[in-house]
PDB file of N, CA and C in Angstrom:
ATOM      1  N   UNK A   1     -72.731  54.091  30.692  1.00  0.00           N
ATOM      2  CA  UNK A   1     -72.219  55.079  31.618  1.00  0.00           C
ATOM      3  C   UNK A   1     -71.249  55.980  30.854  1.00  0.00           C
ATOM      4  N   UNK A   2     -71.392  57.256  31.086  1.00  0.00           N
ATOM      5  CA  UNK A   2     -70.524  58.239  30.453  1.00  0.00           C
ATOM      6  C   UNK A   2     -69.223  58.334  31.244  1.00  0.00           C
ATOM      7  N   UNK A   3     -68.090  58.233  30.557  1.00  0.00           N
ATOM      8  CA  UNK A   3     -66.784  58.304  31.206  1.00  0.00           C
ATOM      9  C   UNK A   3     -66.012  59.480  30.628  1.00  0.00           C
ATOM     10  N   UNK A   4     -65.663  60.415  31.496  1.00  0.00           N
ATOM     11  CA  UNK A   4     -64.928  61.606  31.081  1.00  0.00           C
ATOM     12  C   UNK A   4     -63.570  61.570  31.760  1.00  0.00           C
ATOM     13  N   UNK A   5     -62.516  61.655  30.963  1.00  0.00           N
ATOM     14  CA  UNK A   5     -61.154  61.661  31.498  1.00  0.00           C
ATOM     15  C   UNK A   5     -60.497  62.954  31.031  1.00  0.00           C
ATOM     16  N   UNK A   6     -60.113  63.783  31.988  1.00  0.00           N
ATOM     17  CA  UNK A   6     -59.513  65.074  31.676  1.00  0.00           C
ATOM     18  C   UNK A   6     -58.197  65.223  32.419  1.00  0.00           C
ATOM     19  N   UNK A   7     -57.363  66.124  31.926  1.00  0.00           N
ATOM     20  CA  UNK A   7     -56.079  66.354  32.592  1.00  0.00           C
ATOM     21  C   UNK A   7     -55.764  67.841  32.602  1.00  0.00           C
ATOM     22  N   UNK A   8     -54.983  68.216  33.590  1.00  0.00           N
ATOM     23  CA  UNK A   8     -54.525  69.607  33.725  1.00  0.00           C
ATOM     24  C   UNK A   8     -53.005  69.610  33.735  1.00  0.00           C
ATOM     25  N   UNK A   9     -52.421  70.480  32.976  1.00  0.00           N
ATOM     26  CA  UNK A   9     -50.977  70.724  32.948  1.00  0.00           C
ATOM     27  C   UNK A   9     -50.170  69.603  32.307  1.00  0.00           C
ATOM     28  N   UNK A  10     -50.796  68.629  31.695  1.00  0.00           N
ATOM     29  CA  UNK A  10     -50.090  67.603  30.931  1.00  0.00           C
ATOM     30  C   UNK A  10     -51.097  66.847  30.068  1.00  0.00           C
ATOM     31  N   UNK A  11     -50.591  66.093  29.110  1.00  0.00           N
ATOM     32  CA  UNK A  11     -51.451  65.298  28.231  1.00  0.00           C
ATOM     33  C   UNK A  11     -51.450  63.848  28.702  1.00  0.00           C
ATOM     34  N   UNK A  12     -52.621  63.227  28.645  1.00  0.00           N
ATOM     35  CA  UNK A  12     -52.775  61.849  29.089  1.00  0.00           C
ATOM     36  C   UNK A  12     -52.606  60.917  27.888  1.00  0.00           C
ATOM     37  N   UNK A  13     -51.799  59.866  28.066  1.00  0.00           N
ATOM     38  CA  UNK A  13     -51.605  58.874  27.012  1.00  0.00           C
ATOM     39  C   UNK A  13     -52.853  58.012  26.863  1.00  0.00           C
ATOM     40  N   UNK A  14     -52.949  57.353  25.720  1.00  0.00           N
ATOM     41  CA  UNK A  14     -54.051  56.419  25.502  1.00  0.00           C
ATOM     42  C   UNK A  14     -53.941  55.208  26.430  1.00  0.00           C
ATOM     43  N   UNK A  15     -52.716  54.827  26.810  1.00  0.00           N
ATOM     44  CA  UNK A  15     -52.551  53.686  27.718  1.00  0.00           C
ATOM     45  C   UNK A  15     -53.124  54.005  29.093  1.00  0.00           C
ATOM     46  N   UNK A  16     -52.897  55.230  29.548  1.00  0.00           N
ATOM     47  CA  UNK A  16     -53.442  55.647  30.845  1.00  0.00           C
ATOM     48  C   UNK A  16     -54.965  55.721  30.768  1.00  0.00           C
ATOM     49  N   UNK A  17     -55.487  56.238  29.666  1.00  0.00           N
ATOM     50  CA  UNK A  17     -56.942  56.317  29.506  1.00  0.00           C
ATOM     51  C   UNK A  17     -57.565  54.929  29.516  1.00  0.00           C
ATOM     52  N   UNK A  18     -56.963  53.981  28.804  1.00  0.00           N
ATOM     53  CA  UNK A  18     -57.514  52.625  28.781  1.00  0.00           C
ATOM     54  C   UNK A  18     -57.380  51.961  30.151  1.00  0.00           C
ATOM     55  N   UNK A  19     -56.299  52.281  30.887  1.00  0.00           N
ATOM     56  CA  UNK A  19     -56.127  51.766  32.246  1.00  0.00           C
ATOM     57  C   UNK A  19     -57.242  52.276  33.155  1.00  0.00           C
ATOM     58  N   UNK A  20     -57.569  53.541  33.043  1.00  0.00           N
ATOM     59  CA  UNK A  20     -58.633  54.144  33.855  1.00  0.00           C
ATOM     60  C   UNK A  20     -59.982  53.525  33.501  1.00  0.00           C
ATOM     61  N   UNK A  21     -60.252  53.354  32.217  1.00  0.00           N
ATOM     62  CA  UNK A  21     -61.524  52.766  31.783  1.00  0.00           C
ATOM     63  C   UNK A  21     -61.648  51.339  32.314  1.00  0.00           C
ATOM     64  N   UNK A  22     -60.556  50.564  32.291  1.00  0.00           N
ATOM     65  CA  UNK A  22     -60.586  49.203  32.841  1.00  0.00           C
ATOM     66  C   UNK A  22     -60.912  49.207  34.327  1.00  0.00           C
ATOM     67  N   UNK A  23     -60.325  50.146  35.063  1.00  0.00           N
ATOM     68  CA  UNK A  23     -60.588  50.238  36.497  1.00  0.00           C
ATOM     69  C   UNK A  23     -62.035  50.654  36.771  1.00  0.00           C
ATOM     70  N   UNK A  24     -62.580  51.516  35.921  1.00  0.00           N
ATOM     71  CA  UNK A  24     -63.942  52.009  36.133  1.00  0.00           C
ATOM     72  C   UNK A  24     -65.003  50.972  35.780  1.00  0.00           C
ATOM     73  N   UNK A  25     -64.678  50.025  34.910  1.00  0.00           N
ATOM     74  CA  UNK A  25     -65.654  48.997  34.573  1.00  0.00           C
ATOM     75  C   UNK A  25     -65.965  48.123  35.780  1.00  0.00           C
ATOM     76  N   UNK A  26     -65.015  47.987  36.705  1.00  0.00           N
ATOM     77  CA  UNK A  26     -65.274  47.242  37.937  1.00  0.00           C
ATOM     78  C   UNK A  26     -66.363  47.935  38.761  1.00  0.00           C
ATOM     79  N   UNK A  27     -66.285  49.259  38.841  1.00  0.00           N
ATOM     80  CA  UNK A  27     -67.298  50.015  39.581  1.00  0.00           C
ATOM     81  C   UNK A  27     -68.663  49.892  38.914  1.00  0.00           C
ATOM     82  N   UNK A  28     -68.664  49.902  37.607  1.00  0.00           N
ATOM     83  CA  UNK A  28     -69.914  49.828  36.862  1.00  0.00           C
ATOM     84  C   UNK A  28     -70.616  48.490  37.105  1.00  0.00           C
ATOM     85  N   UNK A  29     -69.835  47.438  37.294  1.00  0.00           N
ATOM     86  CA  UNK A  29     -70.421  46.128  37.557  1.00  0.00           C
ATOM     87  C   UNK A  29     -71.067  46.035  38.922  1.00  0.00           C
ATOM     88  N   UNK A  30     -70.542  46.782  39.905  1.00  0.00           N
ATOM     89  CA  UNK A  30     -71.096  46.729  41.259  1.00  0.00           C
ATOM     90  C   UNK A  30     -72.439  47.432  41.376  1.00  0.00           C
ATOM     91  N   UNK A  31     -72.585  48.542  40.687  1.00  0.00           N
ATOM     92  CA  UNK A  31     -73.805  49.336  40.812  1.00  0.00           C
ATOM     93  C   UNK A  31     -74.241  49.737  39.415  1.00  0.00           C
ATOM     94  N   UNK A  32     -75.284  49.139  38.927  1.00  0.00           N
ATOM     95  CA  UNK A  32     -75.702  49.334  37.545  1.00  0.00           C
ATOM     96  C   UNK A  32     -76.363  50.656  37.243  1.00  0.00           C
ATOM     97  N   UNK A  33     -76.658  51.454  38.251  1.00  0.00           N
ATOM     98  CA  UNK A  33     -77.394  52.694  38.027  1.00  0.00           C
ATOM     99  C   UNK A  33     -76.479  53.916  37.998  1.00  0.00           C
ATOM    100  N   UNK A  34     -75.222  53.719  37.655  1.00  0.00           N
ATOM    101  CA  UNK A  34     -74.300  54.848  37.537  1.00  0.00           C
ATOM    102  C   UNK A  34     -74.514  55.523  36.187  1.00  0.00           C
ATOM    103  N   UNK A  35     -74.527  56.853  36.190  1.00  0.00           N
ATOM    104  CA  UNK A  35     -74.758  57.580  34.943  1.00  0.00           C
ATOM    105  C   UNK A  35     -73.477  58.172  34.374  1.00  0.00           C
ATOM    106  N   UNK A  36     -72.587  58.669  35.236  1.00  0.00           N
ATOM    107  CA  UNK A  36     -71.365  59.268  34.710  1.00  0.00           C
ATOM    108  C   UNK A  36     -70.232  59.193  35.727  1.00  0.00           C
ATOM    109  N   UNK A  37     -69.032  59.156  35.181  1.00  0.00           N
ATOM    110  CA  UNK A  37     -67.817  59.183  35.988  1.00  0.00           C
ATOM    111  C   UNK A  37     -66.887  60.199  35.352  1.00  0.00           C
ATOM    112  N   UNK A  38     -66.361  61.096  36.164  1.00  0.00           N
ATOM    113  CA  UNK A  38     -65.397  62.078  35.682  1.00  0.00           C
ATOM    114  C   UNK A  38     -64.094  61.886  36.440  1.00  0.00           C
ATOM    115  N   UNK A  39     -63.019  61.690  35.712  1.00  0.00           N
ATOM    116  CA  UNK A  39     -61.691  61.533  36.308  1.00  0.00           C
ATOM    117  C   UNK A  39     -60.855  62.717  35.852  1.00  0.00           C
ATOM    118  N   UNK A  40     -60.360  63.480  36.812  1.00  0.00           N
ATOM    119  CA  UNK A  40     -59.525  64.632  36.510  1.00  0.00           C
ATOM    120  C   UNK A  40     -58.131  64.356  37.061  1.00  0.00           C
ATOM    121  N   UNK A  41     -57.147  64.404  36.182  1.00  0.00           N
ATOM    122  CA  UNK A  41     -55.753  64.185  36.563  1.00  0.00           C
ATOM    123  C   UNK A  41     -55.015  65.514  36.483  1.00  0.00           C
ATOM    124  N   UNK A  42     -54.187  65.762  37.476  1.00  0.00           N
ATOM    125  CA  UNK A  42     -53.457  67.030  37.525  1.00  0.00           C
ATOM    126  C   UNK A  42     -52.026  66.770  37.951  1.00  0.00           C
ATOM    127  N   UNK A  43     -51.109  67.551  37.396  1.00  0.00           N
ATOM    128  CA  UNK A  43     -49.704  67.421  37.767  1.00  0.00           C
ATOM    129  C   UNK A  43     -49.201  68.765  38.294  1.00  0.00           C
ATOM    130  N   UNK A  44     -48.594  68.723  39.483  1.00  0.00           N
ATOM    131  CA  UNK A  44     -47.975  69.903  40.070  1.00  0.00           C
ATOM    132  C   UNK A  44     -46.591  69.515  40.553  1.00  0.00           C
ATOM    133  N   UNK A  45     -45.590  70.081  39.938  1.00  0.00           N
ATOM    134  CA  UNK A  45     -44.193  69.749  40.217  1.00  0.00           C
ATOM    135  C   UNK A  45     -43.984  68.242  40.085  1.00  0.00           C
ATOM    136  N   UNK A  46     -43.728  67.537  41.166  1.00  0.00           N
ATOM    137  CA  UNK A  46     -43.498  66.092  41.076  1.00  0.00           C
ATOM    138  C   UNK A  46     -44.694  65.288  41.566  1.00  0.00           C
ATOM    139  N   UNK A  47     -45.773  65.955  41.931  1.00  0.00           N
ATOM    140  CA  UNK A  47     -46.957  65.276  42.453  1.00  0.00           C
ATOM    141  C   UNK A  47     -48.011  65.135  41.371  1.00  0.00           C
ATOM    142  N   UNK A  48     -48.704  63.988  41.399  1.00  0.00           N
ATOM    143  CA  UNK A  48     -49.868  63.760  40.556  1.00  0.00           C
ATOM    144  C   UNK A  48     -51.100  63.718  41.456  1.00  0.00           C
ATOM    145  N   UNK A  49     -52.126  64.441  41.042  1.00  0.00           N
ATOM    146  CA  UNK A  49     -53.386  64.466  41.778  1.00  0.00           C
ATOM    147  C   UNK A  49     -54.452  63.807  40.914  1.00  0.00           C
ATOM    148  N   UNK A  50     -55.279  63.021  41.543  1.00  0.00           N
ATOM    149  CA  UNK A  50     -56.345  62.335  40.832  1.00  0.00           C
ATOM    150  C   UNK A  50     -57.654  62.582  41.577  1.00  0.00           C
ATOM    151  N   UNK A  51     -58.677  62.931  40.821  1.00  0.00           N
ATOM    152  CA  UNK A  51     -59.988  63.180  41.408  1.00  0.00           C
ATOM    153  C   UNK A  51     -61.024  62.378  40.619  1.00  0.00           C
ATOM    154  N   UNK A  52     -61.848  61.619  41.329  1.00  0.00           N
ATOM    155  CA  UNK A  52     -62.898  60.820  40.696  1.00  0.00           C
ATOM    156  C   UNK A  52     -64.240  61.314  41.218  1.00  0.00           C
ATOM    157  N   UNK A  53     -65.123  61.674  40.303  1.00  0.00           N
ATOM    158  CA  UNK A  53     -66.467  62.118  40.653  1.00  0.00           C
ATOM    159  C   UNK A  53     -67.435  61.144  40.004  1.00  0.00           C
ATOM    160  N   UNK A  54     -68.210  60.474  40.838  1.00  0.00           N
ATOM    161  CA  UNK A  54     -69.110  59.411  40.401  1.00  0.00           C
ATOM    162  C   UNK A  54     -70.544  59.868  40.628  1.00  0.00           C
ATOM    163  N   UNK A  55     -71.360  59.806  39.590  1.00  0.00           N
ATOM    164  CA  UNK A  55     -72.758  60.222  39.681  1.00  0.00           C
ATOM    165  C   UNK A  55     -73.654  59.077  39.233  1.00  0.00           C
ATOM    166  N   UNK A  56     -74.793  58.972  39.873  1.00  0.00           N
ATOM    167  CA  UNK A  56     -75.757  57.950  39.502  1.00  0.00           C
ATOM    168  C   UNK A  56     -77.070  58.197  40.209  1.00  0.00           C
ATOM    169  N   UNK A  57     -77.958  57.224  40.103  1.00  0.00           N
ATOM    170  CA  UNK A  57     -79.257  57.350  40.748  1.00  0.00           C
ATOM    171  C   UNK A  57     -79.060  57.240  42.255  1.00  0.00           C
ATOM    172  N   UNK A  58     -79.308  58.332  42.963  1.00  0.00           N
ATOM    173  CA  UNK A  58     -79.163  58.444  44.416  1.00  0.00           C
ATOM    174  C   UNK A  58     -77.708  58.266  44.865  1.00  0.00           C
ATOM    175  N   UNK A  59     -76.749  58.533  43.979  1.00  0.00           N
ATOM    176  CA  UNK A  59     -75.332  58.376  44.325  1.00  0.00           C
ATOM    177  C   UNK A  59     -74.559  59.591  43.833  1.00  0.00           C
ATOM    178  N   UNK A  60     -73.846  60.239  44.724  1.00  0.00           N
ATOM    179  CA  UNK A  60     -72.900  61.301  44.386  1.00  0.00           C
ATOM    180  C   UNK A  60     -71.661  61.065  45.227  1.00  0.00           C
ATOM    181  N   UNK A  61     -70.603  60.590  44.597  1.00  0.00           N
ATOM    182  CA  UNK A  61     -69.385  60.230  45.323  1.00  0.00           C
ATOM    183  C   UNK A  61     -68.208  60.973  44.718  1.00  0.00           C
ATOM    184  N   UNK A  62     -67.364  61.512  45.586  1.00  0.00           N
ATOM    185  CA  UNK A  62     -66.140  62.177  45.155  1.00  0.00           C
ATOM    186  C   UNK A  62     -64.975  61.630  45.960  1.00  0.00           C
ATOM    187  N   UNK A  63     -63.858  61.417  45.282  1.00  0.00           N
ATOM    188  CA  UNK A  63     -62.662  60.924  45.958  1.00  0.00           C
ATOM    189  C   UNK A  63     -61.444  61.578  45.326  1.00  0.00           C
ATOM    190  N   UNK A  64     -60.471  61.913  46.166  1.00  0.00           N
ATOM    191  CA  UNK A  64     -59.235  62.542  45.691  1.00  0.00           C
ATOM    192  C   UNK A  64     -58.046  61.781  46.251  1.00  0.00           C
ATOM    193  N   UNK A  65     -56.956  61.781  45.489  1.00  0.00           N
ATOM    194  CA  UNK A  65     -55.734  61.137  45.948  1.00  0.00           C
ATOM    195  C   UNK A  65     -54.545  61.841  45.297  1.00  0.00           C
ATOM    196  N   UNK A  66     -53.396  61.693  45.940  1.00  0.00           N
ATOM    197  CA  UNK A  66     -52.168  62.263  45.382  1.00  0.00           C
ATOM    198  C   UNK A  66     -51.023  61.292  45.610  1.00  0.00           C
ATOM    199  N   UNK A  67     -50.094  61.295  44.663  1.00  0.00           N
ATOM    200  CA  UNK A  67     -48.924  60.424  44.769  1.00  0.00           C
ATOM    201  C   UNK A  67     -47.859  60.936  43.804  1.00  0.00           C
ATOM    202  N   UNK A  68     -46.663  60.393  43.946  1.00  0.00           N
ATOM    203  CA  UNK A  68     -45.584  60.754  43.032  1.00  0.00           C
ATOM    204  C   UNK A  68     -45.690  59.984  41.718  1.00  0.00           C
ATOM    205  N   UNK A  69     -46.453  58.905  41.712  1.00  0.00           N
ATOM    206  CA  UNK A  69     -46.661  58.098  40.514  1.00  0.00           C
ATOM    207  C   UNK A  69     -48.099  58.276  40.052  1.00  0.00           C
ATOM    208  N   UNK A  70     -48.297  58.437  38.755  1.00  0.00           N
ATOM    209  CA  UNK A  70     -49.635  58.694  38.217  1.00  0.00           C
ATOM    210  C   UNK A  70     -50.570  57.511  38.457  1.00  0.00           C
ATOM    211  N   UNK A  71     -50.096  56.302  38.190  1.00  0.00           N
ATOM    212  CA  UNK A  71     -50.952  55.128  38.381  1.00  0.00           C
ATOM    213  C   UNK A  71     -51.310  54.925  39.852  1.00  0.00           C
ATOM    214  N   UNK A  72     -50.399  55.229  40.750  1.00  0.00           N
ATOM    215  CA  UNK A  72     -50.687  55.104  42.179  1.00  0.00           C
ATOM    216  C   UNK A  72     -51.782  56.089  42.594  1.00  0.00           C
ATOM    217  N   UNK A  73     -51.721  57.306  42.063  1.00  0.00           N
ATOM    218  CA  UNK A  73     -52.749  58.303  42.375  1.00  0.00           C
ATOM    219  C   UNK A  73     -54.107  57.860  41.843  1.00  0.00           C
ATOM    220  N   UNK A  74     -54.116  57.297  40.646  1.00  0.00           N
ATOM    221  CA  UNK A  74     -55.366  56.804  40.061  1.00  0.00           C
ATOM    222  C   UNK A  74     -55.918  55.650  40.884  1.00  0.00           C
ATOM    223  N   UNK A  75     -55.052  54.705  41.226  1.00  0.00           N
ATOM    224  CA  UNK A  75     -55.481  53.542  42.010  1.00  0.00           C
ATOM    225  C   UNK A  75     -56.038  53.947  43.366  1.00  0.00           C
ATOM    226  N   UNK A  76     -55.367  54.895  44.031  1.00  0.00           N
ATOM    227  CA  UNK A  76     -55.835  55.343  45.348  1.00  0.00           C
ATOM    228  C   UNK A  76     -57.212  55.998  45.259  1.00  0.00           C
ATOM    229  N   UNK A  77     -57.406  56.852  44.267  1.00  0.00           N
ATOM    230  CA  UNK A  77     -58.690  57.543  44.122  1.00  0.00           C
ATOM    231  C   UNK A  77     -59.809  56.553  43.794  1.00  0.00           C
ATOM    232  N   UNK A  78     -59.530  55.599  42.935  1.00  0.00           N
ATOM    233  CA  UNK A  78     -60.554  54.614  42.574  1.00  0.00           C
ATOM    234  C   UNK A  78     -60.841  53.692  43.755  1.00  0.00           C
ATOM    235  N   UNK A  79     -59.822  53.357  44.529  1.00  0.00           N
ATOM    236  CA  UNK A  79     -60.038  52.527  45.722  1.00  0.00           C
ATOM    237  C   UNK A  79     -60.917  53.257  46.733  1.00  0.00           C
ATOM    238  N   UNK A  80     -60.679  54.551  46.920  1.00  0.00           N
ATOM    239  CA  UNK A  80     -61.516  55.337  47.826  1.00  0.00           C
ATOM    240  C   UNK A  80     -62.958  55.385  47.315  1.00  0.00           C
ATOM    241  N   UNK A  81     -63.109  55.498  46.006  1.00  0.00           N
ATOM    242  CA  UNK A  81     -64.447  55.508  45.411  1.00  0.00           C
ATOM    243  C   UNK A  81     -65.153  54.176  45.638  1.00  0.00           C
ATOM    244  N   UNK A  82     -64.417  53.071  45.484  1.00  0.00           N
ATOM    245  CA  UNK A  82     -64.993  51.741  45.713  1.00  0.00           C
ATOM    246  C   UNK A  82     -65.474  51.586  47.152  1.00  0.00           C
ATOM    247  N   UNK A  83     -64.682  52.082  48.106  1.00  0.00           N
ATOM    248  CA  UNK A  83     -65.058  51.984  49.520  1.00  0.00           C
ATOM    249  C   UNK A  83     -66.330  52.788  49.778  1.00  0.00           C
ATOM    250  N   UNK A  84     -66.385  54.002  49.237  1.00  0.00           N
ATOM    251  CA  UNK A  84     -67.570  54.838  49.442  1.00  0.00           C
ATOM    252  C   UNK A  84     -68.802  54.220  48.792  1.00  0.00           C
ATOM    253  N   UNK A  85     -68.629  53.648  47.591  1.00  0.00           N
ATOM    254  CA  UNK A  85     -69.751  53.008  46.910  1.00  0.00           C
ATOM    255  C   UNK A  85     -70.218  51.779  47.678  1.00  0.00           C
ATOM    256  N   UNK A  86     -69.293  50.992  48.206  1.00  0.00           N
ATOM    257  CA  UNK A  86     -69.648  49.803  48.989  1.00  0.00           C
ATOM    258  C   UNK A  86     -70.419  50.209  50.246  1.00  0.00           C
ATOM    259  N   UNK A  87     -69.960  51.260  50.940  1.00  0.00           N
ATOM    260  CA  UNK A  87     -70.667  51.738  52.126  1.00  0.00           C
ATOM    261  C   UNK A  87     -72.076  52.201  51.767  1.00  0.00           C
ATOM    262  N   UNK A  88     -72.185  52.896  50.648  1.00  0.00           N
ATOM    263  CA  UNK A  88     -73.496  53.367  50.206  1.00  0.00           C
ATOM    264  C   UNK A  88     -74.418  52.192  49.920  1.00  0.00           C
ATOM    265  N   UNK A  89     -73.912  51.189  49.213  1.00  0.00           N
ATOM    266  CA  UNK A  89     -74.733  50.029  48.886  1.00  0.00           C
ATOM    267  C   UNK A  89     -75.130  49.259  50.136  1.00  0.00           C
ATOM    268  N   UNK A  90     -74.231  49.163  51.110  1.00  0.00           N
ATOM    269  CA  UNK A  90     -74.564  48.480  52.355  1.00  0.00           C
ATOM    270  C   UNK A  90     -75.655  49.222  53.124  1.00  0.00           C
ATOM    271  N   UNK A  91     -75.619  50.545  53.073  1.00  0.00           N
ATOM    272  CA  UNK A  91     -76.639  51.326  53.762  1.00  0.00           C
ATOM    273  C   UNK A  91     -77.991  51.213  53.067  1.00  0.00           C
ATOM    274  N   UNK A  92     -77.971  51.167  51.756  1.00  0.00           N
ATOM    275  CA  UNK A  92     -79.211  51.164  50.986  1.00  0.00           C
ATOM    276  C   UNK A  92     -79.905  49.813  51.052  1.00  0.00           C
ATOM    277  N   UNK A  93     -79.152  48.739  50.932  1.00  0.00           N
ATOM    278  CA  UNK A  93     -79.745  47.403  50.926  1.00  0.00           C
ATOM    279  C   UNK A  93     -80.329  47.072  52.284  1.00  0.00           C
ATOM    280  N   UNK A  94     -81.522  46.507  52.260  1.00  0.00           N
ATOM    281  CA  UNK A  94     -82.132  46.017  53.489  1.00  0.00           C
ATOM    282  C   UNK A  94     -81.483  44.670  53.772  1.00  0.00           C
ATOM    283  N   UNK A  95     -80.892  44.532  54.899  1.00  0.00           N
ATOM    284  CA  UNK A  95     -80.123  43.340  55.200  1.00  0.00           C
ATOM    285  C   UNK A  95     -80.984  42.188  55.698  1.00  0.00           C
ATOM    286  N   UNK A  96     -82.165  42.084  55.147  1.00  0.00           N
ATOM    287  CA  UNK A  96     -83.063  40.963  55.401  1.00  0.00           C
ATOM    288  C   UNK A  96     -83.135  40.613  56.874  1.00  0.00           C
ATOM    289  N   UNK A  97     -83.691  41.516  57.609  1.00  0.00           N
ATOM    290  CA  UNK A  97     -83.836  41.273  59.046  1.00  0.00           C
ATOM    291  C   UNK A  97     -84.742  40.071  59.257  1.00  0.00           C
ATOM    292  N   UNK A  98     -84.407  39.267  60.224  1.00  0.00           N
ATOM    293  CA  UNK A  98     -85.164  38.044  60.481  1.00  0.00           C
ATOM    294  C   UNK A  98     -86.521  38.390  61.071  1.00  0.00           C
ATOM    295  N   UNK A  99     -87.576  37.791  60.535  1.00  0.00           N
ATOM    296  CA  UNK A  99     -88.895  38.025  61.109  1.00  0.00           C
ATOM    297  C   UNK A  99     -88.986  37.455  62.529  1.00  0.00           C
ATOM    298  N   UNK A 100     -89.846  38.022  63.312  1.00  0.00           N
ATOM    299  CA  UNK A 100     -89.986  37.616  64.710  1.00  0.00           C
ATOM    300  C   UNK A 100     -90.422  36.156  64.803  1.00  0.00           C
ATOM    301  N   UNK A 101     -91.240  35.694  63.882  1.00  0.00           N
ATOM    302  CA  UNK A 101     -91.705  34.300  63.934  1.00  0.00           C
ATOM    303  C   UNK A 101     -90.524  33.328  63.821  1.00  0.00           C
ATOM    304  N   UNK A 102     -89.528  33.642  62.996  1.00  0.00           N
ATOM    305  CA  UNK A 102     -88.359  32.769  62.873  1.00  0.00           C
ATOM    306  C   UNK A 102     -87.515  32.801  64.139  1.00  0.00           C
ATOM    307  N   UNK A 103     -87.424  33.965  64.769  1.00  0.00           N
ATOM    308  CA  UNK A 103     -86.668  34.073  66.014  1.00  0.00           C
ATOM    309  C   UNK A 103     -87.349  33.244  67.101  1.00  0.00           C
ATOM    310  N   UNK A 104     -88.676  33.323  67.170  1.00  0.00           N
ATOM    311  CA  UNK A 104     -89.415  32.536  68.154  1.00  0.00           C
ATOM    312  C   UNK A 104     -89.239  31.045  67.903  1.00  0.00           C
ATOM    313  N   UNK A 105     -89.251  30.626  66.631  1.00  0.00           N
ATOM    314  CA  UNK A 105     -89.060  29.210  66.296  1.00  0.00           C
ATOM    315  C   UNK A 105     -87.673  28.731  66.718  1.00  0.00           C
ATOM    316  N   UNK A 106     -86.667  29.540  66.459  1.00  0.00           N
ATOM    317  CA  UNK A 106     -85.304  29.128  66.816  1.00  0.00           C
ATOM    318  C   UNK A 106     -85.144  29.066  68.336  1.00  0.00           C
ATOM    319  N   UNK A 107     -85.803  29.946  69.068  1.00  0.00           N
ATOM    320  CA  UNK A 107     -85.731  29.899  70.527  1.00  0.00           C
ATOM    321  C   UNK A 107     -86.480  28.689  71.067  1.00  0.00           C
ATOM    322  N   UNK A 108     -87.602  28.333  70.443  1.00  0.00           N
ATOM    323  CA  UNK A 108     -88.339  27.162  70.903  1.00  0.00           C
ATOM    324  C   UNK A 108     -87.546  25.886  70.612  1.00  0.00           C
ATOM    325  N   UNK A 109     -86.789  25.851  69.522  1.00  0.00           N
ATOM    326  CA  UNK A 109     -85.924  24.702  69.234  1.00  0.00           C
ATOM    327  C   UNK A 109     -84.831  24.574  70.290  1.00  0.00           C
ATOM    328  N   UNK A 110     -84.299  25.705  70.747  1.00  0.00           N
ATOM    329  CA  UNK A 110     -83.271  25.676  71.787  1.00  0.00           C
ATOM    330  C   UNK A 110     -83.834  25.142  73.097  1.00  0.00           C
ATOM    331  N   UNK A 111     -85.055  25.548  73.402  1.00  0.00           N
ATOM    332  CA  UNK A 111     -85.685  25.097  74.659  1.00  0.00           C
ATOM    333  C   UNK A 111     -85.942  23.606  74.601  1.00  0.00           C
ATOM    334  N   UNK A 112     -86.425  23.082  73.493  1.00  0.00           N
ATOM    335  CA  UNK A 112     -86.698  21.648  73.393  1.00  0.00           C
ATOM    336  C   UNK A 112     -85.413  20.830  73.358  1.00  0.00           C
ATOM    337  N   UNK A 113     -84.339  21.378  72.801  1.00  0.00           N
ATOM    338  CA  UNK A 113     -83.067  20.668  72.771  1.00  0.00           C
ATOM    339  C   UNK A 113     -82.454  20.569  74.158  1.00  0.00           C
ATOM    340  N   UNK A 114     -82.641  21.585  74.975  1.00  0.00           N
ATOM    341  CA  UNK A 114     -82.054  21.599  76.317  1.00  0.00           C
ATOM    342  C   UNK A 114     -82.808  20.660  77.268  1.00  0.00           C
ATOM    343  N   UNK A 115     -84.077  20.431  77.002  1.00  0.00           N
ATOM    344  CA  UNK A 115     -84.902  19.612  77.895  1.00  0.00           C
ATOM    345  C   UNK A 115     -84.659  18.154  77.734  1.00  0.00           C
TER     346      UNK A 115
END
């Protein structure tokens, strides 16, 4: 997965970059078909803005967050991305609906148990 970390109006330390990469590896483990992640960090006065854009096969997710602390802004944006990715995966996966034959069997077991 391609990981792009960019910043506006300030320079990002290597510690922050490695922190972001560590957080993004969790997302990569959940959905193996991700192709790229772009994290844009911006500073305006005392606020830090974080934007995460996640691209993959049938996945386009964007999340934004702001905070007075840079790590808090990063954590919030990545948490929002995780929630959106989880919702997407839940929608995509077929939740193994029970076949009618199994439902009929379970109902017949209930009838015989009650008798």
